[in-house]
Amino acid sequence: MSDNNLNKNKVERNLSEEDLERLEILQKSEEVKGEQLFINYDSEIVIENEAEQLLGQKIDDPVQKFQLYYHGLTKLLKDNLPKGKEFEDVRRIVYDEKNVLINRGAKKDEKGIRGSDGRMAYTEDLEEAIKIVAEWTSRKGTPAELFMAFWDKNEELGYGHQD
């Protein structure tokens, strides 16, 4: 490619000092690429995930969430709540209160849309809901007792309840 063609592709810009600062920040972001090697105090080479450090928490594991939601929480509820069409309302009431908990207070609007998906809930919220259901099943509780256990936890956390 000739120098003339190279110069045609360049665009001259009058950048402000703020624009230059933004570009500098953007260029620095290219320096960090996920994982870094370093040597710890025991002279071992360690790979460190910088994204996890920045977040200050572990990154969610999709497989673990799937297991917790479907093979944990959902299975426990399906196996232990009353079955059949005549108990559909009972299950819905319990599920709604459970969903307020695992969605950190998100409730359905007047159109029935929650705006949050329980399958993507925080792992600790799924674990808390499973703990509630496991305690309920060990006591051979009623659906009303399970509902109240979710209701109490939602109260404790300030989430409110499904209307």
C-alpha atoms as a PDB file:
ATOM      1  CA  MET A   1       0.000   0.000   0.000  1.00  0.00           C
ATOM      2  CA  SER A   2       1.421   3.379  -0.926  1.00  0.00           C
ATOM      3  CA  ASP A   3       1.880   6.258   1.491  1.00  0.00           C
ATOM      4  CA  ASN A   4      -0.846   8.181  -0.347  1.00  0.00           C
ATOM      5  CA  ASN A   5      -3.420   5.431   0.354  1.00  0.00           C
ATOM      6  CA  LEU A   6      -2.308   5.264   3.991  1.00  0.00           C
ATOM      7  CA  ASN A   7      -2.796   9.005   4.409  1.00  0.00           C
ATOM      8  CA  LYS A   8      -6.264   8.816   2.821  1.00  0.00           C
ATOM      9  CA  ASN A   9      -7.442   6.445   5.572  1.00  0.00           C
ATOM     10  CA  LYS A  10      -6.210   8.698   8.362  1.00  0.00           C
ATOM     11  CA  VAL A  11      -8.723  11.161   9.697  1.00  0.00           C
ATOM     12  CA  GLU A  12      -7.492  14.284  11.359  1.00  0.00           C
ATOM     13  CA  ARG A  13      -9.260  15.031  14.627  1.00  0.00           C
ATOM     14  CA  ASN A  14      -9.051  17.882  17.029  1.00  0.00           C
ATOM     15  CA  LEU A  15      -9.348  16.045  20.338  1.00  0.00           C
ATOM     16  CA  SER A  16      -9.953  17.869  23.560  1.00  0.00           C
ATOM     17  CA  GLU A  17      -7.950  17.109  26.676  1.00  0.00           C
ATOM     18  CA  GLU A  18     -10.933  15.112  28.015  1.00  0.00           C
ATOM     19  CA  ASP A  19     -11.074  13.075  24.787  1.00  0.00           C
ATOM     20  CA  LEU A  20      -7.367  12.305  25.094  1.00  0.00           C
ATOM     21  CA  GLU A  21      -7.880  11.171  28.708  1.00  0.00           C
ATOM     22  CA  ARG A  22     -10.712   8.876  27.607  1.00  0.00           C
ATOM     23  CA  LEU A  23      -8.543   7.382  24.856  1.00  0.00           C
ATOM     24  CA  GLU A  24      -5.737   6.823  27.350  1.00  0.00           C
ATOM     25  CA  ILE A  25      -8.141   4.982  29.672  1.00  0.00           C
ATOM     26  CA  LEU A  26      -9.399   2.874  26.763  1.00  0.00           C
ATOM     27  CA  GLN A  27      -5.860   2.028  25.696  1.00  0.00           C
ATOM     28  CA  LYS A  28      -4.939   0.985  29.251  1.00  0.00           C
ATOM     29  CA  SER A  29      -7.894  -1.394  29.255  1.00  0.00           C
ATOM     30  CA  GLU A  30      -6.217  -3.336  26.475  1.00  0.00           C
ATOM     31  CA  GLU A  31      -3.254  -4.073  28.753  1.00  0.00           C
ATOM     32  CA  VAL A  32      -5.310  -6.345  31.058  1.00  0.00           C
ATOM     33  CA  LYS A  33      -6.452  -9.588  29.462  1.00  0.00           C
ATOM     34  CA  GLY A  34      -8.184 -11.827  32.004  1.00  0.00           C
ATOM     35  CA  GLU A  35      -5.633 -14.008  33.706  1.00  0.00           C
ATOM     36  CA  GLN A  36      -2.197 -13.140  35.018  1.00  0.00           C
ATOM     37  CA  LEU A  37       0.659 -15.356  36.134  1.00  0.00           C
ATOM     38  CA  PHE A  38       2.466 -14.492  39.319  1.00  0.00           C
ATOM     39  CA  ILE A  39       4.647 -16.212  41.884  1.00  0.00           C
ATOM     40  CA  ASN A  40       3.186 -16.530  45.381  1.00  0.00           C
ATOM     41  CA  TYR A  41       5.030 -16.553  48.712  1.00  0.00           C
ATOM     42  CA  ASP A  42       5.723 -20.296  48.396  1.00  0.00           C
ATOM     43  CA  SER A  43       7.477 -19.702  45.047  1.00  0.00           C
ATOM     44  CA  GLU A  44       4.640 -21.365  43.178  1.00  0.00           C
ATOM     45  CA  ILE A  45       3.388 -20.095  39.854  1.00  0.00           C
ATOM     46  CA  VAL A  46      -0.264 -19.122  40.221  1.00  0.00           C
ATOM     47  CA  ILE A  47      -2.786 -18.080  37.588  1.00  0.00           C
ATOM     48  CA  GLU A  48      -5.066 -15.356  38.882  1.00  0.00           C
ATOM     49  CA  ASN A  49      -8.327 -14.347  37.236  1.00  0.00           C
ATOM     50  CA  GLU A  50      -8.361 -10.567  37.285  1.00  0.00           C
ATOM     51  CA  ALA A  51     -12.064 -10.375  36.510  1.00  0.00           C
ATOM     52  CA  GLU A  52     -12.849 -12.310  39.698  1.00  0.00           C
ATOM     53  CA  GLN A  53     -10.608  -9.986  41.688  1.00  0.00           C
ATOM     54  CA  LEU A  54     -12.281  -6.925  40.242  1.00  0.00           C
ATOM     55  CA  LEU A  55     -15.705  -8.256  41.074  1.00  0.00           C
ATOM     56  CA  GLY A  56     -14.650  -9.315  44.543  1.00  0.00           C
ATOM     57  CA  GLN A  57     -16.582 -12.548  44.151  1.00  0.00           C
ATOM     58  CA  LYS A  58     -16.530 -15.794  42.234  1.00  0.00           C
ATOM     59  CA  ILE A  59     -18.078 -15.777  38.793  1.00  0.00           C
ATOM     60  CA  ASP A  60     -21.286 -17.815  38.650  1.00  0.00           C
ATOM     61  CA  ASP A  61     -21.039 -21.337  37.368  1.00  0.00           C
ATOM     62  CA  PRO A  62     -23.864 -22.009  34.851  1.00  0.00           C
ATOM     63  CA  VAL A  63     -23.712 -25.775  35.438  1.00  0.00           C
ATOM     64  CA  GLN A  64     -24.029 -25.293  39.196  1.00  0.00           C
ATOM     65  CA  LYS A  65     -26.990 -22.932  38.700  1.00  0.00           C
ATOM     66  CA  PHE A  66     -28.693 -25.470  36.439  1.00  0.00           C
ATOM     67  CA  GLN A  67     -28.178 -28.217  39.010  1.00  0.00           C
ATOM     68  CA  LEU A  68     -29.407 -26.058  41.892  1.00  0.00           C
ATOM     69  CA  TYR A  69     -32.455 -24.744  40.057  1.00  0.00           C
ATOM     70  CA  TYR A  70     -33.678 -27.854  38.228  1.00  0.00           C
ATOM     71  CA  HIS A  71     -32.271 -30.820  40.155  1.00  0.00           C
ATOM     72  CA  GLY A  72     -32.477 -29.088  43.512  1.00  0.00           C
ATOM     73  CA  LEU A  73     -35.166 -26.487  44.047  1.00  0.00           C
ATOM     74  CA  THR A  74     -37.635 -27.375  41.277  1.00  0.00           C
ATOM     75  CA  LYS A  75     -37.372 -31.130  41.868  1.00  0.00           C
ATOM     76  CA  LEU A  76     -37.903 -30.767  45.624  1.00  0.00           C
ATOM     77  CA  LEU A  77     -40.983 -28.637  45.055  1.00  0.00           C
ATOM     78  CA  LYS A  78     -42.456 -30.911  42.362  1.00  0.00           C
ATOM     79  CA  ASP A  79     -41.874 -33.999  44.484  1.00  0.00           C
ATOM     80  CA  ASN A  80     -43.356 -32.539  47.669  1.00  0.00           C
ATOM     81  CA  LEU A  81     -46.135 -30.102  46.758  1.00  0.00           C
ATOM     82  CA  PRO A  82     -49.609 -31.524  46.062  1.00  0.00           C
ATOM     83  CA  LYS A  83     -50.062 -32.689  42.483  1.00  0.00           C
ATOM     84  CA  GLY A  84     -53.010 -32.374  40.151  1.00  0.00           C
ATOM     85  CA  LYS A  85     -55.085 -29.666  38.534  1.00  0.00           C
ATOM     86  CA  GLU A  86     -57.081 -29.030  41.723  1.00  0.00           C
ATOM     87  CA  PHE A  87     -53.878 -27.927  43.503  1.00  0.00           C
ATOM     88  CA  GLU A  88     -52.565 -25.705  40.701  1.00  0.00           C
ATOM     89  CA  ASP A  89     -53.423 -22.531  42.658  1.00  0.00           C
ATOM     90  CA  VAL A  90     -51.633 -23.879  45.745  1.00  0.00           C
ATOM     91  CA  ARG A  91     -48.452 -24.517  43.748  1.00  0.00           C
ATOM     92  CA  ARG A  92     -48.663 -21.117  42.018  1.00  0.00           C
ATOM     93  CA  ILE A  93     -48.956 -19.270  45.352  1.00  0.00           C
ATOM     94  CA  VAL A  94     -45.919 -21.077  46.776  1.00  0.00           C
ATOM     95  CA  TYR A  95     -43.922 -20.631  43.542  1.00  0.00           C
ATOM     96  CA  ASP A  96     -44.710 -16.906  43.426  1.00  0.00           C
ATOM     97  CA  GLU A  97     -43.408 -16.342  46.959  1.00  0.00           C
ATOM     98  CA  LYS A  98     -40.346 -18.527  46.239  1.00  0.00           C
ATOM     99  CA  ASN A  99     -39.679 -16.511  43.075  1.00  0.00           C
ATOM    100  CA  VAL A 100     -39.797 -13.219  44.984  1.00  0.00           C
ATOM    101  CA  LEU A 101     -37.036 -14.636  47.189  1.00  0.00           C
ATOM    102  CA  ILE A 102     -34.734 -15.998  44.495  1.00  0.00           C
ATOM    103  CA  ASN A 103     -35.226 -12.893  42.329  1.00  0.00           C
ATOM    104  CA  ARG A 104     -34.308 -10.578  45.204  1.00  0.00           C
ATOM    105  CA  GLY A 105     -37.690  -8.950  45.512  1.00  0.00           C
ATOM    106  CA  ALA A 106     -38.704  -8.760  41.856  1.00  0.00           C
ATOM    107  CA  LYS A 107     -42.461  -9.240  41.616  1.00  0.00           C
ATOM    108  CA  LYS A 108     -44.792  -9.776  38.672  1.00  0.00           C
ATOM    109  CA  ASP A 109     -46.356  -6.606  37.325  1.00  0.00           C
ATOM    110  CA  GLU A 110     -50.009  -6.235  36.338  1.00  0.00           C
ATOM    111  CA  LYS A 111     -49.220  -8.011  33.050  1.00  0.00           C
ATOM    112  CA  GLY A 112     -47.694 -10.987  34.870  1.00  0.00           C
ATOM    113  CA  ILE A 113     -44.119 -10.084  33.933  1.00  0.00           C
ATOM    114  CA  ARG A 114     -41.475 -10.335  36.644  1.00  0.00           C
ATOM    115  CA  GLY A 115     -38.591  -8.863  34.669  1.00  0.00           C
ATOM    116  CA  SER A 116     -36.201 -11.310  36.308  1.00  0.00           C
ATOM    117  CA  ASP A 117     -35.499 -14.987  35.697  1.00  0.00           C
ATOM    118  CA  GLY A 118     -35.179 -17.336  38.672  1.00  0.00           C
ATOM    119  CA  ARG A 119     -33.025 -19.706  36.629  1.00  0.00           C
ATOM    120  CA  MET A 120     -30.395 -16.957  36.606  1.00  0.00           C
ATOM    121  CA  ALA A 121     -30.721 -16.184  40.312  1.00  0.00           C
ATOM    122  CA  TYR A 122     -27.664 -15.712  42.472  1.00  0.00           C
ATOM    123  CA  THR A 123     -26.305 -19.042  43.662  1.00  0.00           C
ATOM    124  CA  GLU A 124     -26.613 -18.061  47.317  1.00  0.00           C
ATOM    125  CA  ASP A 125     -30.302 -17.198  46.793  1.00  0.00           C
ATOM    126  CA  LEU A 126     -30.978 -20.577  45.189  1.00  0.00           C
ATOM    127  CA  GLU A 127     -29.156 -22.278  48.059  1.00  0.00           C
ATOM    128  CA  GLU A 128     -31.228 -20.346  50.602  1.00  0.00           C
ATOM    129  CA  ALA A 129     -34.476 -21.384  48.888  1.00  0.00           C
ATOM    130  CA  ILE A 130     -33.342 -25.023  48.774  1.00  0.00           C
ATOM    131  CA  LYS A 131     -32.504 -24.848  52.478  1.00  0.00           C
ATOM    132  CA  ILE A 132     -36.028 -23.572  53.224  1.00  0.00           C
ATOM    133  CA  VAL A 133     -37.633 -26.350  51.157  1.00  0.00           C
ATOM    134  CA  ALA A 134     -35.349 -29.030  52.642  1.00  0.00           C
ATOM    135  CA  GLU A 135     -36.238 -27.963  56.193  1.00  0.00           C
ATOM    136  CA  TRP A 136     -39.935 -27.969  55.248  1.00  0.00           C
ATOM    137  CA  THR A 137     -39.742 -31.455  53.731  1.00  0.00           C
ATOM    138  CA  SER A 138     -37.855 -32.836  56.746  1.00  0.00           C
ATOM    139  CA  ARG A 139     -40.691 -31.611  58.992  1.00  0.00           C
ATOM    140  CA  LYS A 140     -43.304 -32.986  56.553  1.00  0.00           C
ATOM    141  CA  GLY A 141     -44.867 -29.529  56.495  1.00  0.00           C
ATOM    142  CA  THR A 142     -47.943 -28.274  54.704  1.00  0.00           C
ATOM    143  CA  PRO A 143     -47.920 -26.033  51.617  1.00  0.00           C
ATOM    144  CA  ALA A 144     -49.106 -23.193  53.881  1.00  0.00           C
ATOM    145  CA  GLU A 145     -46.057 -23.688  56.125  1.00  0.00           C
ATOM    146  CA  LEU A 146     -43.742 -23.597  53.104  1.00  0.00           C
ATOM    147  CA  PHE A 147     -45.433 -20.443  51.840  1.00  0.00           C
ATOM    148  CA  MET A 148     -44.982 -18.843  55.283  1.00  0.00           C
ATOM    149  CA  ALA A 149     -41.301 -19.880  55.394  1.00  0.00           C
ATOM    150  CA  PHE A 150     -40.713 -18.062  52.073  1.00  0.00           C
ATOM    151  CA  TRP A 151     -42.913 -15.182  53.264  1.00  0.00           C
ATOM    152  CA  ASP A 152     -40.896 -14.810  56.491  1.00  0.00           C
ATOM    153  CA  LYS A 153     -37.579 -14.851  54.611  1.00  0.00           C
ATOM    154  CA  ASN A 154     -38.855 -12.222  52.168  1.00  0.00           C
ATOM    155  CA  GLU A 155     -39.948 -10.085  55.137  1.00  0.00           C
ATOM    156  CA  GLU A 156     -36.557 -10.509  56.798  1.00  0.00           C
ATOM    157  CA  LEU A 157     -34.791  -9.370  53.629  1.00  0.00           C
ATOM    158  CA  GLY A 158     -37.218  -6.510  52.940  1.00  0.00           C
ATOM    159  CA  TYR A 159     -38.359  -7.931  49.592  1.00  0.00           C
ATOM    160  CA  GLY A 160     -42.106  -7.678  50.108  1.00  0.00           C
ATOM    161  CA  HIS A 161     -44.503 -10.189  48.578  1.00  0.00           C
ATOM    162  CA  GLN A 162     -46.248 -11.081  45.349  1.00  0.00           C
ATOM    163  CA  ASP A 163     -49.652  -9.363  45.131  1.00  0.00           C
END
